[in-house]
Amino acid sequence: MINEFCDKYEDVLELYDGFIVTHTPCFSLLYERFQKPIIVVASTRYEDPFSQDAMKWAKFNRYLQEKIDSDIIIPVANNKYDARYTSLFTERDWQVIPSLCEYTNSDYFGNEAPRGDFLYSSRLRLPFAVKNLIPKETALPRGYTWEQLASFKGVVHIPYNASTMSIFEQYTANIPLFFPTYEFMKELREKYYRNGVLSELSWNQVFKYPSYSILGTLPDPNDYANNDAMMEWVKDADFYDEENMPFLQYFNSLEDLEVKLATANLQEIASNMKGHNEKRRTQVYEQWQTLLEQL
């Protein structure tokens, strides 16, 4: 299939100086023939769709190693979790360049927001109601706009993955964001990892493959039934990355969440995020500029 693709589009693809592959990195195989630089951005576990095929996964790892060593593939990850994960299996370093998601062109309305509610974004149904917190699926209409989302006082997340586009988008829009503390997240995942709490850390769980460890004594990021092992990896999740995403708000229980929502200085939080986003934007653009110049 790859050969047919290259044969059909060879004249067009030869015109390019290089290629960019995002999700999933296996698409870099489409451009191997052209022997030109391929920027590969690892996100949401790079090995898909080879998770349950050990031979193909190993072959893919050898391909990545060879192309990285020959400076054909430039390895990048958009979050620390996937940089660590991909480095573990490929035995090569992957540079972290976070996503900005500036395409929303939206900004937080703060206290001038037309509504006084917080948005709840999770696949886990809360065990009891939290005052002024409305689930996303009932709060926003189908086809909602970015402006409608930014009109809420803030967003409460109990994530399904270590890195998601929605969190990048909302952070760049300076929307106050609330997350469980690491300790509380560990409790929640132990109880609800089959019900949406960090339920997509491993393709094994997503596709209902068995949970198993192939790494021996190391915490295996695909041993999803082992809460301690999985949570060791979650330390590198975006929402615990104080370097890239400071000023996130944390709650250690649902009762604490209710208190935090009632007392948080939202304007100050949004202002701090905005200041950091200006620095973050400059840094990310400089990282990409440096990488492109090196080609």
C-alpha atoms as a PDB file:
ATOM      1  CA  MET A   1       0.000   0.000   0.000  1.00  0.00           C
ATOM      2  CA  ILE A   2       2.869   2.374   0.811  1.00  0.00           C
ATOM      3  CA  ASN A   3       4.507   1.606  -2.523  1.00  0.00           C
ATOM      4  CA  GLU A   4       1.247   2.302  -4.377  1.00  0.00           C
ATOM      5  CA  PHE A   5       0.899   5.607  -2.519  1.00  0.00           C
ATOM      6  CA  CYS A   6       4.455   6.668  -3.341  1.00  0.00           C
ATOM      7  CA  ASP A   7       4.153   5.591  -6.982  1.00  0.00           C
ATOM      8  CA  LYS A   8       0.979   7.621  -7.454  1.00  0.00           C
ATOM      9  CA  TYR A   9       2.158  10.813  -5.716  1.00  0.00           C
ATOM     10  CA  GLU A  10       5.914  10.649  -6.280  1.00  0.00           C
ATOM     11  CA  ASP A  11       6.053  13.623  -8.665  1.00  0.00           C
ATOM     12  CA  VAL A  12       4.204  15.815  -6.159  1.00  0.00           C
ATOM     13  CA  LEU A  13       5.990  14.636  -3.020  1.00  0.00           C
ATOM     14  CA  GLU A  14       9.433  15.058  -4.591  1.00  0.00           C
ATOM     15  CA  LEU A  15       8.769  18.816  -4.681  1.00  0.00           C
ATOM     16  CA  TYR A  16       8.792  19.102  -0.888  1.00  0.00           C
ATOM     17  CA  ASP A  17      11.872  19.714   1.257  1.00  0.00           C
ATOM     18  CA  GLY A  18      10.528  17.529   4.043  1.00  0.00           C
ATOM     19  CA  PHE A  19       7.449  16.216   5.797  1.00  0.00           C
ATOM     20  CA  ILE A  20       5.653  16.560   9.127  1.00  0.00           C
ATOM     21  CA  VAL A  21       3.855  13.597  10.667  1.00  0.00           C
ATOM     22  CA  THR A  22       1.733  13.931  13.786  1.00  0.00           C
ATOM     23  CA  HIS A  23      -0.767  11.288  14.841  1.00  0.00           C
ATOM     24  CA  THR A  24       0.282   8.623  14.404  1.00  0.00           C
ATOM     25  CA  PRO A  25       4.064   8.351  13.774  1.00  0.00           C
ATOM     26  CA  CYS A  26       3.607   5.221  11.644  1.00  0.00           C
ATOM     27  CA  PHE A  27       2.609   7.549   8.782  1.00  0.00           C
ATOM     28  CA  SER A  28       6.276   8.494   8.498  1.00  0.00           C
ATOM     29  CA  LEU A  29       6.661   5.195   6.637  1.00  0.00           C
ATOM     30  CA  LEU A  30       4.808   6.823   3.734  1.00  0.00           C
ATOM     31  CA  TYR A  31       7.742   9.183   3.108  1.00  0.00           C
ATOM     32  CA  GLU A  32      10.720   6.900   3.757  1.00  0.00           C
ATOM     33  CA  ARG A  33      11.396   6.470   0.044  1.00  0.00           C
ATOM     34  CA  PHE A  34      12.125  10.159  -0.494  1.00  0.00           C
ATOM     35  CA  GLN A  35      15.086  10.330   1.930  1.00  0.00           C
ATOM     36  CA  LYS A  36      14.110  13.805   3.096  1.00  0.00           C
ATOM     37  CA  PRO A  37      13.682  15.085   6.650  1.00  0.00           C
ATOM     38  CA  ILE A  38      10.559  13.895   8.448  1.00  0.00           C
ATOM     39  CA  ILE A  39       9.547  15.721  11.597  1.00  0.00           C
ATOM     40  CA  VAL A  40       7.683  13.128  13.667  1.00  0.00           C
ATOM     41  CA  VAL A  41       5.544  14.397  16.547  1.00  0.00           C
ATOM     42  CA  ALA A  42       4.669  11.676  19.046  1.00  0.00           C
ATOM     43  CA  SER A  43       1.340  12.095  20.804  1.00  0.00           C
ATOM     44  CA  THR A  44      -0.968   9.648  22.556  1.00  0.00           C
ATOM     45  CA  ARG A  45       1.412   6.678  22.481  1.00  0.00           C
ATOM     46  CA  TYR A  46       3.464   6.541  19.334  1.00  0.00           C
ATOM     47  CA  GLU A  47       3.226   2.808  18.514  1.00  0.00           C
ATOM     48  CA  ASP A  48      -0.407   2.751  17.360  1.00  0.00           C
ATOM     49  CA  PRO A  49      -1.515   0.557  15.565  1.00  0.00           C
ATOM     50  CA  PHE A  50       1.176  -1.969  16.561  1.00  0.00           C
ATOM     51  CA  SER A  51       0.376  -2.240  20.281  1.00  0.00           C
ATOM     52  CA  GLN A  52      -0.662  -5.889  20.097  1.00  0.00           C
ATOM     53  CA  ASP A  53       1.770  -7.005  17.422  1.00  0.00           C
ATOM     54  CA  ALA A  54       5.156  -7.421  19.096  1.00  0.00           C
ATOM     55  CA  MET A  55       6.992  -8.155  15.844  1.00  0.00           C
ATOM     56  CA  LYS A  56       5.624  -5.124  13.996  1.00  0.00           C
ATOM     57  CA  TRP A  57       6.189  -2.881  17.026  1.00  0.00           C
ATOM     58  CA  ALA A  58       9.812  -4.057  17.278  1.00  0.00           C
ATOM     59  CA  LYS A  59      10.287  -3.537  13.540  1.00  0.00           C
ATOM     60  CA  PHE A  60       8.830  -0.035  13.820  1.00  0.00           C
ATOM     61  CA  ASN A  61      11.219   0.739  16.680  1.00  0.00           C
ATOM     62  CA  ARG A  62      14.189  -0.373  14.565  1.00  0.00           C
ATOM     63  CA  TYR A  63      12.976   1.815  11.703  1.00  0.00           C
ATOM     64  CA  LEU A  64      12.694   4.861  14.001  1.00  0.00           C
ATOM     65  CA  GLN A  65      16.123   4.203  15.509  1.00  0.00           C
ATOM     66  CA  GLU A  66      17.750   3.904  12.092  1.00  0.00           C
ATOM     67  CA  LYS A  67      16.102   7.042  10.713  1.00  0.00           C
ATOM     68  CA  ILE A  68      16.797   9.100  13.839  1.00  0.00           C
ATOM     69  CA  ASP A  69      20.448   8.032  13.803  1.00  0.00           C
ATOM     70  CA  SER A  70      20.758   8.999  10.126  1.00  0.00           C
ATOM     71  CA  ASP A  71      19.106  12.399  10.727  1.00  0.00           C
ATOM     72  CA  ILE A  72      16.155  11.582   8.510  1.00  0.00           C
ATOM     73  CA  ILE A  73      13.601  11.557  11.317  1.00  0.00           C
ATOM     74  CA  ILE A  74      13.578  14.491  13.731  1.00  0.00           C
ATOM     75  CA  PRO A  75      11.886  13.177  16.891  1.00  0.00           C
ATOM     76  CA  VAL A  76       9.519  15.516  18.760  1.00  0.00           C
ATOM     77  CA  ALA A  77       6.797  14.984  21.379  1.00  0.00           C
ATOM     78  CA  ASN A  78       4.142  17.520  22.335  1.00  0.00           C
ATOM     79  CA  ASN A  79       4.179  16.526  26.014  1.00  0.00           C
ATOM     80  CA  LYS A  80       6.579  15.102  28.602  1.00  0.00           C
ATOM     81  CA  TYR A  81       4.585  11.891  29.054  1.00  0.00           C
ATOM     82  CA  ASP A  82       4.918  10.862  25.412  1.00  0.00           C
ATOM     83  CA  ALA A  83       8.523  12.034  25.230  1.00  0.00           C
ATOM     84  CA  ARG A  84       9.375   9.725  28.126  1.00  0.00           C
ATOM     85  CA  TYR A  85       7.204   6.898  26.773  1.00  0.00           C
ATOM     86  CA  THR A  86       8.615   7.028  23.243  1.00  0.00           C
ATOM     87  CA  SER A  87      12.175   7.406  24.485  1.00  0.00           C
ATOM     88  CA  LEU A  88      11.751   4.298  26.622  1.00  0.00           C
ATOM     89  CA  PHE A  89      10.770   2.052  23.739  1.00  0.00           C
ATOM     90  CA  THR A  90      12.903   3.569  20.971  1.00  0.00           C
ATOM     91  CA  GLU A  91      15.957   4.161  23.177  1.00  0.00           C
ATOM     92  CA  ARG A  92      16.338   7.591  21.587  1.00  0.00           C
ATOM     93  CA  ASP A  93      15.678  11.072  22.997  1.00  0.00           C
ATOM     94  CA  TRP A  94      12.535  12.910  21.908  1.00  0.00           C
ATOM     95  CA  GLN A  95      12.464  16.690  22.244  1.00  0.00           C
ATOM     96  CA  VAL A  96       9.418  18.204  23.941  1.00  0.00           C
ATOM     97  CA  ILE A  97       7.727  21.085  22.095  1.00  0.00           C
ATOM     98  CA  PRO A  98       4.290  21.688  23.651  1.00  0.00           C
ATOM     99  CA  SER A  99       1.212  22.365  21.551  1.00  0.00           C
ATOM    100  CA  LEU A 100      -0.224  25.887  21.650  1.00  0.00           C
ATOM    101  CA  CYS A 101      -3.572  25.410  19.868  1.00  0.00           C
ATOM    102  CA  GLU A 102      -3.880  29.106  19.062  1.00  0.00           C
ATOM    103  CA  TYR A 103      -6.439  28.360  16.351  1.00  0.00           C
ATOM    104  CA  THR A 104      -9.348  28.894  18.744  1.00  0.00           C
ATOM    105  CA  ASN A 105      -8.740  32.657  18.715  1.00  0.00           C
ATOM    106  CA  SER A 106     -10.718  32.879  21.945  1.00  0.00           C
ATOM    107  CA  ASP A 107      -9.960  34.402  25.312  1.00  0.00           C
ATOM    108  CA  TYR A 108     -11.352  34.155  28.806  1.00  0.00           C
ATOM    109  CA  PHE A 109     -14.120  36.628  29.617  1.00  0.00           C
ATOM    110  CA  GLY A 110     -13.398  36.553  33.351  1.00  0.00           C
ATOM    111  CA  ASN A 111     -15.962  38.112  35.689  1.00  0.00           C
ATOM    112  CA  GLU A 112     -17.676  39.696  32.708  1.00  0.00           C
ATOM    113  CA  ALA A 113     -18.697  36.260  31.484  1.00  0.00           C
ATOM    114  CA  PRO A 114     -22.406  36.055  30.627  1.00  0.00           C
ATOM    115  CA  ARG A 115     -22.893  33.073  32.918  1.00  0.00           C
ATOM    116  CA  GLY A 116     -21.822  32.198  36.444  1.00  0.00           C
ATOM    117  CA  ASP A 117     -21.252  28.459  36.053  1.00  0.00           C
ATOM    118  CA  PHE A 118     -18.179  26.267  35.832  1.00  0.00           C
ATOM    119  CA  LEU A 119     -17.906  23.591  33.159  1.00  0.00           C
ATOM    120  CA  TYR A 120     -17.246  19.962  34.082  1.00  0.00           C
ATOM    121  CA  SER A 121     -15.235  18.119  31.430  1.00  0.00           C
ATOM    122  CA  SER A 122     -14.799  14.419  32.119  1.00  0.00           C
ATOM    123  CA  ARG A 123     -15.985  10.983  31.109  1.00  0.00           C
ATOM    124  CA  LEU A 124     -16.615  10.214  34.768  1.00  0.00           C
ATOM    125  CA  ARG A 125     -20.049  10.996  36.143  1.00  0.00           C
ATOM    126  CA  LEU A 126     -19.645  12.820  39.461  1.00  0.00           C
ATOM    127  CA  PRO A 127     -20.985  10.810  42.431  1.00  0.00           C
ATOM    128  CA  PHE A 128     -22.779  13.901  43.765  1.00  0.00           C
ATOM    129  CA  ALA A 129     -23.652  17.372  42.549  1.00  0.00           C
ATOM    130  CA  VAL A 130     -21.174  20.217  43.009  1.00  0.00           C
ATOM    131  CA  LYS A 131     -22.646  23.687  43.243  1.00  0.00           C
ATOM    132  CA  ASN A 132     -22.385  25.780  40.043  1.00  0.00           C
ATOM    133  CA  LEU A 133     -20.713  22.910  38.167  1.00  0.00           C
ATOM    134  CA  ILE A 134     -22.444  21.773  34.958  1.00  0.00           C
ATOM    135  CA  PRO A 135     -21.423  18.755  32.825  1.00  0.00           C
ATOM    136  CA  LYS A 136     -20.163  19.738  29.397  1.00  0.00           C
ATOM    137  CA  GLU A 137     -22.580  17.463  27.555  1.00  0.00           C
ATOM    138  CA  THR A 138     -25.602  19.261  29.035  1.00  0.00           C
ATOM    139  CA  ALA A 139     -24.116  22.757  29.261  1.00  0.00           C
ATOM    140  CA  LEU A 140     -23.012  23.259  25.678  1.00  0.00           C
ATOM    141  CA  PRO A 141     -25.033  22.722  22.495  1.00  0.00           C
ATOM    142  CA  ARG A 142     -23.799  20.542  19.669  1.00  0.00           C
ATOM    143  CA  GLY A 143     -21.498  22.617  17.483  1.00  0.00           C
ATOM    144  CA  TYR A 144     -20.744  25.089  20.291  1.00  0.00           C
ATOM    145  CA  THR A 145     -18.302  27.922  19.618  1.00  0.00           C
ATOM    146  CA  TRP A 146     -15.000  28.598  21.337  1.00  0.00           C
ATOM    147  CA  GLU A 147     -16.515  31.818  22.638  1.00  0.00           C
ATOM    148  CA  GLN A 148     -19.317  29.872  24.311  1.00  0.00           C
ATOM    149  CA  LEU A 149     -16.795  27.620  26.052  1.00  0.00           C
ATOM    150  CA  ALA A 150     -14.691  30.594  27.176  1.00  0.00           C
ATOM    151  CA  SER A 151     -17.763  32.241  28.683  1.00  0.00           C
ATOM    152  CA  PHE A 152     -17.757  29.847  31.650  1.00  0.00           C
ATOM    153  CA  LYS A 153     -16.024  30.888  34.853  1.00  0.00           C
ATOM    154  CA  GLY A 154     -13.633  27.968  34.514  1.00  0.00           C
ATOM    155  CA  VAL A 155     -13.335  24.302  33.566  1.00  0.00           C
ATOM    156  CA  VAL A 156     -13.013  21.353  35.935  1.00  0.00           C
ATOM    157  CA  HIS A 157     -11.173  18.363  34.467  1.00  0.00           C
ATOM    158  CA  ILE A 158     -10.882  14.762  35.523  1.00  0.00           C
ATOM    159  CA  PRO A 159      -8.898  13.735  32.435  1.00  0.00           C
ATOM    160  CA  TYR A 160      -9.066  10.545  30.392  1.00  0.00           C
ATOM    161  CA  ASN A 161      -5.489  10.932  29.168  1.00  0.00           C
ATOM    162  CA  ALA A 162      -2.171  12.460  30.165  1.00  0.00           C
ATOM    163  CA  SER A 163      -2.317  15.033  27.385  1.00  0.00           C
ATOM    164  CA  THR A 164      -5.356  16.272  25.465  1.00  0.00           C
ATOM    165  CA  MET A 165      -5.936  18.994  22.901  1.00  0.00           C
ATOM    166  CA  SER A 166      -8.812  20.463  24.909  1.00  0.00           C
ATOM    167  CA  ILE A 167      -6.502  21.225  27.836  1.00  0.00           C
ATOM    168  CA  PHE A 168      -3.985  22.912  25.515  1.00  0.00           C
ATOM    169  CA  GLU A 169      -6.785  24.912  23.898  1.00  0.00           C
ATOM    170  CA  GLN A 170      -8.265  26.074  27.182  1.00  0.00           C
ATOM    171  CA  TYR A 171      -4.912  26.907  28.720  1.00  0.00           C
ATOM    172  CA  THR A 172      -3.947  29.060  25.740  1.00  0.00           C
ATOM    173  CA  ALA A 173      -7.312  30.835  26.066  1.00  0.00           C
ATOM    174  CA  ASN A 174      -6.404  31.708  29.701  1.00  0.00           C
ATOM    175  CA  ILE A 175      -9.411  29.844  31.111  1.00  0.00           C
ATOM    176  CA  PRO A 176      -8.968  28.924  34.810  1.00  0.00           C
ATOM    177  CA  LEU A 177      -8.590  25.150  34.989  1.00  0.00           C
ATOM    178  CA  PHE A 178      -9.141  22.834  37.960  1.00  0.00           C
ATOM    179  CA  PHE A 179      -7.687  19.329  38.364  1.00  0.00           C
ATOM    180  CA  PRO A 180      -7.467  16.679  41.090  1.00  0.00           C
ATOM    181  CA  THR A 181      -4.247  16.695  43.080  1.00  0.00           C
ATOM    182  CA  TYR A 182      -1.905  13.825  42.255  1.00  0.00           C
ATOM    183  CA  GLU A 183      -2.969  11.972  45.412  1.00  0.00           C
ATOM    184  CA  PHE A 184      -6.672  12.424  44.702  1.00  0.00           C
ATOM    185  CA  MET A 185      -6.179  11.457  41.061  1.00  0.00           C
ATOM    186  CA  LYS A 186      -4.547   8.241  42.214  1.00  0.00           C
ATOM    187  CA  GLU A 187      -7.609   7.447  44.324  1.00  0.00           C
ATOM    188  CA  LEU A 188      -9.966   8.277  41.490  1.00  0.00           C
ATOM    189  CA  ARG A 189      -8.092   6.186  38.947  1.00  0.00           C
ATOM    190  CA  GLU A 190      -7.978   3.175  41.248  1.00  0.00           C
ATOM    191  CA  LYS A 191     -11.761   3.302  41.578  1.00  0.00           C
ATOM    192  CA  TYR A 192     -12.769   4.523  38.130  1.00  0.00           C
ATOM    193  CA  TYR A 193     -10.081   3.661  35.581  1.00  0.00           C
ATOM    194  CA  ARG A 194     -12.713   1.620  33.733  1.00  0.00           C
ATOM    195  CA  ASN A 195     -15.142   4.541  33.838  1.00  0.00           C
ATOM    196  CA  GLY A 196     -13.227   7.322  32.189  1.00  0.00           C
ATOM    197  CA  VAL A 197     -10.520   8.371  34.671  1.00  0.00           C
ATOM    198  CA  LEU A 198      -7.198   8.251  32.794  1.00  0.00           C
ATOM    199  CA  SER A 199      -8.773   5.451  30.791  1.00  0.00           C
ATOM    200  CA  GLU A 200      -6.786   6.106  27.593  1.00  0.00           C
ATOM    201  CA  LEU A 201      -3.235   6.019  28.900  1.00  0.00           C
ATOM    202  CA  SER A 202      -2.655   2.723  27.129  1.00  0.00           C
ATOM    203  CA  TRP A 203      -3.973   1.401  23.840  1.00  0.00           C
ATOM    204  CA  ASN A 204      -4.225  -1.952  25.616  1.00  0.00           C
ATOM    205  CA  GLN A 205      -7.060  -0.572  27.710  1.00  0.00           C
ATOM    206  CA  VAL A 206      -8.673   1.409  24.891  1.00  0.00           C
ATOM    207  CA  PHE A 207      -8.983  -1.698  22.717  1.00  0.00           C
ATOM    208  CA  LYS A 208      -9.663  -4.011  25.682  1.00  0.00           C
ATOM    209  CA  TYR A 209      -6.432  -5.962  25.340  1.00  0.00           C
ATOM    210  CA  PRO A 210      -5.013  -7.660  28.441  1.00  0.00           C
ATOM    211  CA  SER A 211      -3.067  -5.628  30.969  1.00  0.00           C
ATOM    212  CA  TYR A 212       0.467  -6.972  31.261  1.00  0.00           C
ATOM    213  CA  SER A 213       4.029  -5.867  31.950  1.00  0.00           C
ATOM    214  CA  ILE A 214       6.858  -6.523  29.495  1.00  0.00           C
ATOM    215  CA  LEU A 215       9.418  -4.299  31.208  1.00  0.00           C
ATOM    216  CA  GLY A 216      10.259  -6.395  34.245  1.00  0.00           C
ATOM    217  CA  THR A 217      10.937  -4.247  37.278  1.00  0.00           C
ATOM    218  CA  LEU A 218      10.192  -0.911  35.572  1.00  0.00           C
ATOM    219  CA  PRO A 219       6.701   0.613  35.965  1.00  0.00           C
ATOM    220  CA  ASP A 220       5.129  -0.505  32.699  1.00  0.00           C
ATOM    221  CA  PRO A 221       2.956   2.202  31.046  1.00  0.00           C
ATOM    222  CA  ASN A 222       0.804  -0.481  29.424  1.00  0.00           C
ATOM    223  CA  ASP A 223       0.097  -2.449  32.597  1.00  0.00           C
ATOM    224  CA  TYR A 224      -3.113  -0.475  33.041  1.00  0.00           C
ATOM    225  CA  ALA A 225      -4.552  -2.649  35.827  1.00  0.00           C
ATOM    226  CA  ASN A 226      -1.551  -1.749  37.996  1.00  0.00           C
ATOM    227  CA  ASN A 227      -2.544   1.603  39.459  1.00  0.00           C
ATOM    228  CA  ASP A 228       0.809   2.268  41.120  1.00  0.00           C
ATOM    229  CA  ALA A 229       2.708   1.694  37.867  1.00  0.00           C
ATOM    230  CA  MET A 230       0.360   3.822  35.784  1.00  0.00           C
ATOM    231  CA  MET A 231       0.324   6.669  38.282  1.00  0.00           C
ATOM    232  CA  GLU A 232       4.117   6.709  38.331  1.00  0.00           C
ATOM    233  CA  TRP A 233       3.881   7.693  34.659  1.00  0.00           C
ATOM    234  CA  VAL A 234       1.110  10.226  35.279  1.00  0.00           C
ATOM    235  CA  LYS A 235       3.645  12.406  37.091  1.00  0.00           C
ATOM    236  CA  ASP A 236       4.620  13.529  33.565  1.00  0.00           C
ATOM    237  CA  ALA A 237       1.056  14.453  32.547  1.00  0.00           C
ATOM    238  CA  ASP A 238       0.455  17.953  31.184  1.00  0.00           C
ATOM    239  CA  PHE A 239      -1.669  18.938  34.159  1.00  0.00           C
ATOM    240  CA  TYR A 240       1.196  18.230  36.562  1.00  0.00           C
ATOM    241  CA  ASP A 241       3.796  19.996  34.415  1.00  0.00           C
ATOM    242  CA  GLU A 242       4.420  23.197  36.364  1.00  0.00           C
ATOM    243  CA  GLU A 243       7.052  24.311  33.866  1.00  0.00           C
ATOM    244  CA  ASN A 244       4.710  24.346  30.870  1.00  0.00           C
ATOM    245  CA  MET A 245       1.372  24.873  32.641  1.00  0.00           C
ATOM    246  CA  PRO A 246       1.701  26.756  35.925  1.00  0.00           C
ATOM    247  CA  PHE A 247      -1.282  28.382  37.673  1.00  0.00           C
ATOM    248  CA  LEU A 248      -3.524  25.338  37.383  1.00  0.00           C
ATOM    249  CA  GLN A 249      -5.778  24.871  40.404  1.00  0.00           C
ATOM    250  CA  TYR A 250      -5.963  21.594  42.336  1.00  0.00           C
ATOM    251  CA  PHE A 251      -8.556  20.001  44.626  1.00  0.00           C
ATOM    252  CA  ASN A 252      -8.044  17.042  46.968  1.00  0.00           C
ATOM    253  CA  SER A 253     -11.722  15.999  47.188  1.00  0.00           C
ATOM    254  CA  LEU A 254     -15.043  16.948  45.658  1.00  0.00           C
ATOM    255  CA  GLU A 255     -15.871  18.852  48.821  1.00  0.00           C
ATOM    256  CA  ASP A 256     -12.617  20.757  48.422  1.00  0.00           C
ATOM    257  CA  LEU A 257     -13.502  21.416  44.799  1.00  0.00           C
ATOM    258  CA  GLU A 258     -16.724  23.124  45.847  1.00  0.00           C
ATOM    259  CA  VAL A 259     -14.759  25.371  48.190  1.00  0.00           C
ATOM    260  CA  LYS A 260     -12.137  26.157  45.532  1.00  0.00           C
ATOM    261  CA  LEU A 261     -14.783  27.091  42.970  1.00  0.00           C
ATOM    262  CA  ALA A 262     -16.401  29.478  45.452  1.00  0.00           C
ATOM    263  CA  THR A 263     -13.208  31.168  46.605  1.00  0.00           C
ATOM    264  CA  ALA A 264     -10.770  31.155  43.663  1.00  0.00           C
ATOM    265  CA  ASN A 265      -9.642  34.554  42.392  1.00  0.00           C
ATOM    266  CA  LEU A 266     -10.439  33.843  38.762  1.00  0.00           C
ATOM    267  CA  GLN A 267      -9.240  37.160  37.375  1.00  0.00           C
ATOM    268  CA  GLU A 268      -5.864  36.744  39.036  1.00  0.00           C
ATOM    269  CA  ILE A 269      -5.543  33.157  37.792  1.00  0.00           C
ATOM    270  CA  ALA A 270      -6.436  34.164  34.220  1.00  0.00           C
ATOM    271  CA  SER A 271      -4.050  37.112  34.348  1.00  0.00           C
ATOM    272  CA  ASN A 272      -1.195  34.900  35.527  1.00  0.00           C
ATOM    273  CA  MET A 273      -1.950  32.387  32.790  1.00  0.00           C
ATOM    274  CA  LYS A 274      -1.987  35.134  30.182  1.00  0.00           C
ATOM    275  CA  GLY A 275       1.438  36.370  31.276  1.00  0.00           C
ATOM    276  CA  HIS A 276       2.871  32.869  31.156  1.00  0.00           C
ATOM    277  CA  ASN A 277       1.229  32.159  27.783  1.00  0.00           C
ATOM    278  CA  GLU A 278       3.063  35.109  26.256  1.00  0.00           C
ATOM    279  CA  LYS A 279       6.391  33.635  27.397  1.00  0.00           C
ATOM    280  CA  ARG A 280       5.328  30.114  26.423  1.00  0.00           C
ATOM    281  CA  ARG A 281       4.342  31.211  22.926  1.00  0.00           C
ATOM    282  CA  THR A 282       7.726  32.867  22.373  1.00  0.00           C
ATOM    283  CA  GLN A 283       9.551  29.805  23.648  1.00  0.00           C
ATOM    284  CA  VAL A 284       7.587  27.339  21.488  1.00  0.00           C
ATOM    285  CA  TYR A 285       8.039  29.443  18.341  1.00  0.00           C
ATOM    286  CA  GLU A 286      11.772  29.680  19.050  1.00  0.00           C
ATOM    287  CA  GLN A 287      11.977  25.905  19.493  1.00  0.00           C
ATOM    288  CA  TRP A 288      10.317  25.307  16.138  1.00  0.00           C
ATOM    289  CA  GLN A 289      12.439  27.992  14.462  1.00  0.00           C
ATOM    290  CA  THR A 290      15.632  26.387  15.754  1.00  0.00           C
ATOM    291  CA  LEU A 291      14.491  22.942  14.661  1.00  0.00           C
ATOM    292  CA  LEU A 292      13.574  24.121  11.156  1.00  0.00           C
ATOM    293  CA  GLU A 293      16.853  25.994  10.732  1.00  0.00           C
ATOM    294  CA  GLN A 294      18.755  22.831  11.625  1.00  0.00           C
ATOM    295  CA  LEU A 295      17.166  20.984   8.713  1.00  0.00           C
END
